[in-house]
Every structure is written in structure tokens, then in C-alpha cells.
């Protein structure tokens, strides 16, 4: 199935070791357009167990980026 056929956008979430990105893929006349919507830092935090990812901060950044994507995609997200 052609992904552009639905007309809906897609969201990509890239969880990197130093930063995370939320991108929106939409369509312009059957051509894909990718736009970085939200970028936020990702760094480990020291706990009694050692270094760990700050899961709450990562989740909050993912939610913020997802909401921004939804606001920019009135056609909906697949």
C-alpha cells in the first residue's frame, strides 16, 4: 500500500544517546516532506544503582513532540 494514499502523516521518534528528535512526515503532492518538530537533550542521571536514563524526561519530551505533531497534522496521523 502506498503510504501517501491515506493522506495521513507519520511520526518518527529518534531516541539518541545525547538528544532525541520527534519528526513529522507529511505529503505534498505525493512527495514526502520531513520536518523536525521537537528536539530535546537526553543524558543519563546518577542513581544509587548507577547511571540510568531519565525516563520521565524522555517520556515528557516524547509527549510534547507528539502533541506538536498532532497540532500540525489536521489530516491525522497514521
PDB file of N, CA and C in Angstrom:
ATOM      1  N   UNK A   1       0.837  -1.184   0.000  1.00  0.00           N
ATOM      2  CA  UNK A   1       0.000   0.000   0.000  1.00  0.00           C
ATOM      3  C   UNK A   1       0.880   1.245   0.000  1.00  0.00           C
ATOM      4  N   UNK A   2       0.504   2.212  -0.802  1.00  0.00           N
ATOM      5  CA  UNK A   2       1.207   3.482  -0.890  1.00  0.00           C
ATOM      6  C   UNK A   2       0.940   4.295   0.375  1.00  0.00           C
ATOM      7  N   UNK A   3       1.993   4.644   1.161  1.00  0.00           N
ATOM      8  CA  UNK A   3       1.762   5.371   2.405  1.00  0.00           C
ATOM      9  C   UNK A   3       1.094   6.721   2.187  1.00  0.00           C
ATOM     10  N   UNK A   4       1.305   7.337   1.037  1.00  0.00           N
ATOM     11  CA  UNK A   4       0.703   8.639   0.772  1.00  0.00           C
ATOM     12  C   UNK A   4      -0.784   8.519   0.460  1.00  0.00           C
ATOM     13  N   UNK A   5      -1.243   7.309   0.120  1.00  0.00           N
ATOM     14  CA  UNK A   5      -2.637   7.118  -0.281  1.00  0.00           C
ATOM     15  C   UNK A   5      -3.615   7.484   0.829  1.00  0.00           C
ATOM     16  N   UNK A   6      -3.243   7.250   2.071  1.00  0.00           N
ATOM     17  CA  UNK A   6      -4.149   7.567   3.179  1.00  0.00           C
ATOM     18  C   UNK A   6      -4.238   9.063   3.416  1.00  0.00           C
ATOM     19  N   UNK A   7      -3.218   9.810   2.985  1.00  0.00           N
ATOM     20  CA  UNK A   7      -3.198  11.245   3.209  1.00  0.00           C
ATOM     21  C   UNK A   7      -2.792  11.635   4.619  1.00  0.00           C
ATOM     22  N   UNK A   8      -2.634  10.650   5.480  1.00  0.00           N
ATOM     23  CA  UNK A   8      -2.275  10.940   6.864  1.00  0.00           C
ATOM     24  C   UNK A   8      -0.764  11.072   7.019  1.00  0.00           C
ATOM     25  N   UNK A   9      -0.355  11.773   8.045  1.00  0.00           N
ATOM     26  CA  UNK A   9       1.057  11.958   8.344  1.00  0.00           C
ATOM     27  C   UNK A   9       1.567  10.827   9.225  1.00  0.00           C
ATOM     28  N   UNK A  10       2.882  10.746   9.346  1.00  0.00           N
ATOM     29  CA  UNK A  10       3.544   9.774  10.202  1.00  0.00           C
ATOM     30  C   UNK A  10       4.432  10.517  11.185  1.00  0.00           C
ATOM     31  N   UNK A  11       4.645   9.930  12.360  1.00  0.00           N
ATOM     32  CA  UNK A  11       5.534  10.498  13.367  1.00  0.00           C
ATOM     33  C   UNK A  11       6.706   9.543  13.549  1.00  0.00           C
ATOM     34  N   UNK A  12       7.916  10.108  13.572  1.00  0.00           N
ATOM     35  CA  UNK A  12       9.123   9.331  13.844  1.00  0.00           C
ATOM     36  C   UNK A  12       9.742   9.847  15.138  1.00  0.00           C
ATOM     37  N   UNK A  13      10.109   8.923  16.015  1.00  0.00           N
ATOM     38  CA  UNK A  13      10.739   9.275  17.284  1.00  0.00           C
ATOM     39  C   UNK A  13      12.120   8.635  17.310  1.00  0.00           C
ATOM     40  N   UNK A  14      13.151   9.469  17.398  1.00  0.00           N
ATOM     41  CA  UNK A  14      14.532   9.014  17.419  1.00  0.00           C
ATOM     42  C   UNK A  14      15.092   9.279  18.807  1.00  0.00           C
ATOM     43  N   UNK A  15      15.304   8.213  19.575  1.00  0.00           N
ATOM     44  CA  UNK A  15      15.847   8.339  20.927  1.00  0.00           C
ATOM     45  C   UNK A  15      17.354   8.122  20.870  1.00  0.00           C
ATOM     46  N   UNK A  16      18.082   9.218  20.841  1.00  0.00           N
ATOM     47  CA  UNK A  16      19.533   9.156  20.762  1.00  0.00           C
ATOM     48  C   UNK A  16      20.175   9.216  22.136  1.00  0.00           C
ATOM     49  N   UNK A  17      21.454   8.912  22.175  1.00  0.00           N
ATOM     50  CA  UNK A  17      22.173   8.893  23.444  1.00  0.00           C
ATOM     51  C   UNK A  17      22.371  10.291  24.022  1.00  0.00           C
ATOM     52  N   UNK A  18      22.444  11.315  23.160  1.00  0.00           N
ATOM     53  CA  UNK A  18      22.650  12.677  23.650  1.00  0.00           C
ATOM     54  C   UNK A  18      21.471  13.597  23.390  1.00  0.00           C
ATOM     55  N   UNK A  19      20.668  13.271  22.392  1.00  0.00           N
ATOM     56  CA  UNK A  19      19.465  14.066  22.136  1.00  0.00           C
ATOM     57  C   UNK A  19      18.417  13.191  21.468  1.00  0.00           C
ATOM     58  N   UNK A  20      17.175  13.617  21.582  1.00  0.00           N
ATOM     59  CA  UNK A  20      16.047  12.902  20.991  1.00  0.00           C
ATOM     60  C   UNK A  20      15.331  13.852  20.042  1.00  0.00           C
ATOM     61  N   UNK A  21      14.766  13.290  18.981  1.00  0.00           N
ATOM     62  CA  UNK A  21      14.061  14.098  17.989  1.00  0.00           C
ATOM     63  C   UNK A  21      12.709  13.483  17.682  1.00  0.00           C
ATOM     64  N   UNK A  22      11.733  14.362  17.501  1.00  0.00           N
ATOM     65  CA  UNK A  22      10.412  13.953  17.044  1.00  0.00           C
ATOM     66  C   UNK A  22      10.213  14.634  15.688  1.00  0.00           C
ATOM     67  N   UNK A  23       9.942  13.838  14.661  1.00  0.00           N
ATOM     68  CA  UNK A  23       9.777  14.376  13.313  1.00  0.00           C
ATOM     69  C   UNK A  23       8.413  14.004  12.767  1.00  0.00           C
ATOM     70  N   UNK A  24       7.930  14.835  11.864  1.00  0.00           N
ATOM     71  CA  UNK A  24       6.638  14.621  11.214  1.00  0.00           C
ATOM     72  C   UNK A  24       6.874  14.430   9.726  1.00  0.00           C
ATOM     73  N   UNK A  25       6.387  13.312   9.189  1.00  0.00           N
ATOM     74  CA  UNK A  25       6.439  13.076   7.757  1.00  0.00           C
ATOM     75  C   UNK A  25       5.040  13.311   7.208  1.00  0.00           C
ATOM     76  N   UNK A  26       4.942  14.260   6.301  1.00  0.00           N
ATOM     77  CA  UNK A  26       3.657  14.541   5.661  1.00  0.00           C
ATOM     78  C   UNK A  26       3.861  14.499   4.149  1.00  0.00           C
ATOM     79  N   UNK A  27       2.816  14.769   3.428  1.00  0.00           N
ATOM     80  CA  UNK A  27       2.851  14.612   1.973  1.00  0.00           C
ATOM     81  C   UNK A  27       2.507  15.927   1.289  1.00  0.00           C
ATOM     82  N   UNK A  28       3.258  16.248   0.239  1.00  0.00           N
ATOM     83  CA  UNK A  28       2.986  17.404  -0.604  1.00  0.00           C
ATOM     84  C   UNK A  28       2.970  16.896  -2.034  1.00  0.00           C
ATOM     85  N   UNK A  29       1.766  16.716  -2.582  1.00  0.00           N
ATOM     86  CA  UNK A  29       1.601  16.182  -3.943  1.00  0.00           C
ATOM     87  C   UNK A  29       2.334  14.857  -4.114  1.00  0.00           C
ATOM     88  N   UNK A  30       2.098  13.924  -3.217  1.00  0.00           N
ATOM     89  CA  UNK A  30       2.687  12.583  -3.242  1.00  0.00           C
ATOM     90  C   UNK A  30       4.189  12.562  -2.974  1.00  0.00           C
ATOM     91  N   UNK A  31       4.767  13.685  -2.585  1.00  0.00           N
ATOM     92  CA  UNK A  31       6.180  13.737  -2.215  1.00  0.00           C
ATOM     93  C   UNK A  31       6.290  13.838  -0.695  1.00  0.00           C
ATOM     94  N   UNK A  32       7.153  13.012  -0.087  1.00  0.00           N
ATOM     95  CA  UNK A  32       7.294  13.079   1.369  1.00  0.00           C
ATOM     96  C   UNK A  32       8.029  14.344   1.799  1.00  0.00           C
ATOM     97  N   UNK A  33       7.560  14.923   2.899  1.00  0.00           N
ATOM     98  CA  UNK A  33       8.186  16.099   3.500  1.00  0.00           C
ATOM     99  C   UNK A  33       8.427  15.763   4.964  1.00  0.00           C
ATOM    100  N   UNK A  34       9.686  15.822   5.398  1.00  0.00           N
ATOM    101  CA  UNK A  34      10.024  15.523   6.787  1.00  0.00           C
ATOM    102  C   UNK A  34      10.420  16.813   7.486  1.00  0.00           C
ATOM    103  N   UNK A  35       9.808  17.047   8.637  1.00  0.00           N
ATOM    104  CA  UNK A  35      10.072  18.250   9.416  1.00  0.00           C
ATOM    105  C   UNK A  35      10.384  17.849  10.855  1.00  0.00           C
ATOM    106  N   UNK A  36      11.526  18.330  11.358  1.00  0.00           N
ATOM    107  CA  UNK A  36      11.839  18.093  12.768  1.00  0.00           C
ATOM    108  C   UNK A  36      10.945  19.012  13.593  1.00  0.00           C
ATOM    109  N   UNK A  37      10.156  18.419  14.477  1.00  0.00           N
ATOM    110  CA  UNK A  37       9.174  19.167  15.256  1.00  0.00           C
ATOM    111  C   UNK A  37       9.701  19.516  16.641  1.00  0.00           C
ATOM    112  N   UNK A  38      10.392  18.595  17.263  1.00  0.00           N
ATOM    113  CA  UNK A  38      10.847  18.829  18.638  1.00  0.00           C
ATOM    114  C   UNK A  38      12.150  18.082  18.869  1.00  0.00           C
ATOM    115  N   UNK A  39      13.108  18.758  19.497  1.00  0.00           N
ATOM    116  CA  UNK A  39      14.385  18.135  19.875  1.00  0.00           C
ATOM    117  C   UNK A  39      14.626  18.457  21.340  1.00  0.00           C
ATOM    118  N   UNK A  40      15.094  17.460  22.078  1.00  0.00           N
ATOM    119  CA  UNK A  40      15.372  17.686  23.485  1.00  0.00           C
ATOM    120  C   UNK A  40      16.584  16.862  23.906  1.00  0.00           C
ATOM    121  N   UNK A  41      17.330  17.345  24.916  1.00  0.00           N
ATOM    122  CA  UNK A  41      18.534  16.628  25.346  1.00  0.00           C
ATOM    123  C   UNK A  41      18.196  15.324  26.063  1.00  0.00           C
ATOM    124  N   UNK A  42      19.117  14.398  25.977  1.00  0.00           N
ATOM    125  CA  UNK A  42      18.985  13.126  26.679  1.00  0.00           C
ATOM    126  C   UNK A  42      20.331  12.840  27.326  1.00  0.00           C
ATOM    127  N   UNK A  43      20.351  12.731  28.621  1.00  0.00           N
ATOM    128  CA  UNK A  43      21.594  12.451  29.335  1.00  0.00           C
ATOM    129  C   UNK A  43      21.285  11.539  30.509  1.00  0.00           C
ATOM    130  N   UNK A  44      22.226  10.679  30.843  1.00  0.00           N
ATOM    131  CA  UNK A  44      21.993   9.796  31.986  1.00  0.00           C
ATOM    132  C   UNK A  44      22.009  10.575  33.302  1.00  0.00           C
ATOM    133  N   UNK A  45      21.339  10.021  34.303  1.00  0.00           N
ATOM    134  CA  UNK A  45      21.340  10.606  35.643  1.00  0.00           C
ATOM    135  C   UNK A  45      21.940   9.580  36.599  1.00  0.00           C
ATOM    136  N   UNK A  46      22.612  10.085  37.604  1.00  0.00           N
ATOM    137  CA  UNK A  46      23.228   9.205  38.600  1.00  0.00           C
ATOM    138  C   UNK A  46      22.179   8.795  39.629  1.00  0.00           C
ATOM    139  N   UNK A  47      22.054   7.507  39.878  1.00  0.00           N
ATOM    140  CA  UNK A  47      21.166   6.978  40.920  1.00  0.00           C
ATOM    141  C   UNK A  47      21.987   6.071  41.824  1.00  0.00           C
ATOM    142  N   UNK A  48      21.361   5.559  42.846  1.00  0.00           N
ATOM    143  CA  UNK A  48      22.053   4.624  43.740  1.00  0.00           C
ATOM    144  C   UNK A  48      22.426   3.330  43.009  1.00  0.00           C
ATOM    145  N   UNK A  49      21.755   3.061  41.900  1.00  0.00           N
ATOM    146  CA  UNK A  49      22.034   1.861  41.094  1.00  0.00           C
ATOM    147  C   UNK A  49      23.098   2.122  40.029  1.00  0.00           C
ATOM    148  N   UNK A  50      23.506   3.380  39.878  1.00  0.00           N
ATOM    149  CA  UNK A  50      24.454   3.751  38.828  1.00  0.00           C
ATOM    150  C   UNK A  50      23.809   4.724  37.867  1.00  0.00           C
ATOM    151  N   UNK A  51      24.372   4.824  36.668  1.00  0.00           N
ATOM    152  CA  UNK A  51      23.817   5.726  35.659  1.00  0.00           C
ATOM    153  C   UNK A  51      22.576   5.108  35.022  1.00  0.00           C
ATOM    154  N   UNK A  52      21.534   5.917  34.880  1.00  0.00           N
ATOM    155  CA  UNK A  52      20.278   5.483  34.252  1.00  0.00           C
ATOM    156  C   UNK A  52      19.757   6.613  33.369  1.00  0.00           C
ATOM    157  N   UNK A  53      18.953   6.254  32.400  1.00  0.00           N
ATOM    158  CA  UNK A  53      18.295   7.280  31.595  1.00  0.00           C
ATOM    159  C   UNK A  53      17.192   7.928  32.420  1.00  0.00           C
ATOM    160  N   UNK A  54      16.982   9.203  32.204  1.00  0.00           N
ATOM    161  CA  UNK A  54      15.908   9.931  32.884  1.00  0.00           C
ATOM    162  C   UNK A  54      14.614   9.664  32.107  1.00  0.00           C
ATOM    163  N   UNK A  55      13.995   8.530  32.398  1.00  0.00           N
ATOM    164  CA  UNK A  55      12.826   8.078  31.637  1.00  0.00           C
ATOM    165  C   UNK A  55      11.681   9.083  31.697  1.00  0.00           C
ATOM    166  N   UNK A  56      11.477   9.725  32.849  1.00  0.00           N
ATOM    167  CA  UNK A  56      10.398  10.717  32.957  1.00  0.00           C
ATOM    168  C   UNK A  56      10.634  11.877  31.993  1.00  0.00           C
ATOM    169  N   UNK A  57      11.883  12.363  31.899  1.00  0.00           N
ATOM    170  CA  UNK A  57      12.193  13.465  30.990  1.00  0.00           C
ATOM    171  C   UNK A  57      12.046  13.034  29.533  1.00  0.00           C
ATOM    172  N   UNK A  58      12.489  11.817  29.214  1.00  0.00           N
ATOM    173  CA  UNK A  58      12.351  11.306  27.844  1.00  0.00           C
ATOM    174  C   UNK A  58      10.873  11.184  27.486  1.00  0.00           C
ATOM    175  N   UNK A  59      10.085  10.632  28.377  1.00  0.00           N
ATOM    176  CA  UNK A  59       8.646  10.481  28.116  1.00  0.00           C
ATOM    177  C   UNK A  59       7.977  11.845  27.947  1.00  0.00           C
ATOM    178  N   UNK A  60       8.328  12.802  28.805  1.00  0.00           N
ATOM    179  CA  UNK A  60       7.744  14.144  28.699  1.00  0.00           C
ATOM    180  C   UNK A  60       8.103  14.778  27.355  1.00  0.00           C
ATOM    181  N   UNK A  61       9.344  14.617  26.915  1.00  0.00           N
ATOM    182  CA  UNK A  61       9.753  15.157  25.611  1.00  0.00           C
ATOM    183  C   UNK A  61       9.031  14.487  24.457  1.00  0.00           C
ATOM    184  N   UNK A  62       8.833  13.177  24.568  1.00  0.00           N
ATOM    185  CA  UNK A  62       8.089  12.453  23.530  1.00  0.00           C
ATOM    186  C   UNK A  62       6.640  12.925  23.473  1.00  0.00           C
ATOM    187  N   UNK A  63       6.033  13.129  24.620  1.00  0.00           N
ATOM    188  CA  UNK A  63       4.643  13.586  24.658  1.00  0.00           C
ATOM    189  C   UNK A  63       4.512  14.994  24.087  1.00  0.00           C
ATOM    190  N   UNK A  64       5.437  15.879  24.462  1.00  0.00           N
ATOM    191  CA  UNK A  64       5.402  17.248  23.937  1.00  0.00           C
ATOM    192  C   UNK A  64       5.529  17.233  22.413  1.00  0.00           C
ATOM    193  N   UNK A  65       6.495  16.490  21.894  1.00  0.00           N
ATOM    194  CA  UNK A  65       6.677  16.407  20.448  1.00  0.00           C
ATOM    195  C   UNK A  65       5.490  15.780  19.750  1.00  0.00           C
ATOM    196  N   UNK A  66       4.895  14.765  20.349  1.00  0.00           N
ATOM    197  CA  UNK A  66       3.723  14.110  19.759  1.00  0.00           C
ATOM    198  C   UNK A  66       2.533  15.059  19.696  1.00  0.00           C
ATOM    199  N   UNK A  67       2.344  15.841  20.755  1.00  0.00           N
ATOM    200  CA  UNK A  67       1.245  16.825  20.744  1.00  0.00           C
ATOM    201  C   UNK A  67       1.477  17.884  19.673  1.00  0.00           C
ATOM    202  N   UNK A  68       2.723  18.330  19.520  1.00  0.00           N
ATOM    203  CA  UNK A  68       3.038  19.315  18.488  1.00  0.00           C
ATOM    204  C   UNK A  68       2.804  18.733  17.099  1.00  0.00           C
ATOM    205  N   UNK A  69       3.154  17.470  16.896  1.00  0.00           N
ATOM    206  CA  UNK A  69       2.892  16.817  15.612  1.00  0.00           C
ATOM    207  C   UNK A  69       1.406  16.761  15.329  1.00  0.00           C
ATOM    208  N   UNK A  70       0.633  16.370  16.320  1.00  0.00           N
ATOM    209  CA  UNK A  70      -0.820  16.277  16.138  1.00  0.00           C
ATOM    210  C   UNK A  70      -1.405  17.637  15.779  1.00  0.00           C
ATOM    211  N   UNK A  71      -0.892  18.695  16.396  1.00  0.00           N
ATOM    212  CA  UNK A  71      -1.404  20.041  16.117  1.00  0.00           C
ATOM    213  C   UNK A  71      -1.058  20.481  14.684  1.00  0.00           C
ATOM    214  N   UNK A  72       0.029  19.975  14.138  1.00  0.00           N
ATOM    215  CA  UNK A  72       0.455  20.364  12.774  1.00  0.00           C
ATOM    216  C   UNK A  72      -0.084  19.434  11.698  1.00  0.00           C
ATOM    217  N   UNK A  73      -0.810  18.401  12.091  1.00  0.00           N
ATOM    218  CA  UNK A  73      -1.301  17.417  11.119  1.00  0.00           C
ATOM    219  C   UNK A  73      -2.826  17.314  11.206  1.00  0.00           C
ATOM    220  N   UNK A  74      -3.558  18.305  10.706  1.00  0.00           N
ATOM    221  CA  UNK A  74      -5.014  18.252  10.774  1.00  0.00           C
ATOM    222  C   UNK A  74      -5.601  17.075   9.992  1.00  0.00           C
ATOM    223  N   UNK A  75      -4.831  16.516   9.058  1.00  0.00           N
ATOM    224  CA  UNK A  75      -5.296  15.359   8.286  1.00  0.00           C
ATOM    225  C   UNK A  75      -5.253  14.074   9.084  1.00  0.00           C
ATOM    226  N   UNK A  76      -4.603  14.127  10.254  1.00  0.00           N
ATOM    227  CA  UNK A  76      -4.487  12.959  11.116  1.00  0.00           C
ATOM    228  C   UNK A  76      -3.139  12.291  10.993  1.00  0.00           C
ATOM    229  N   UNK A  77      -2.877  11.401  11.923  1.00  0.00           N
ATOM    230  CA  UNK A  77      -1.607  10.669  11.949  1.00  0.00           C
ATOM    231  C   UNK A  77      -1.916   9.185  11.827  1.00  0.00           C
ATOM    232  N   UNK A  78      -1.191   8.533  10.906  1.00  0.00           N
ATOM    233  CA  UNK A  78      -1.396   7.099  10.671  1.00  0.00           C
ATOM    234  C   UNK A  78      -0.869   6.284  11.820  1.00  0.00           C
TER     235      UNK A  78
END
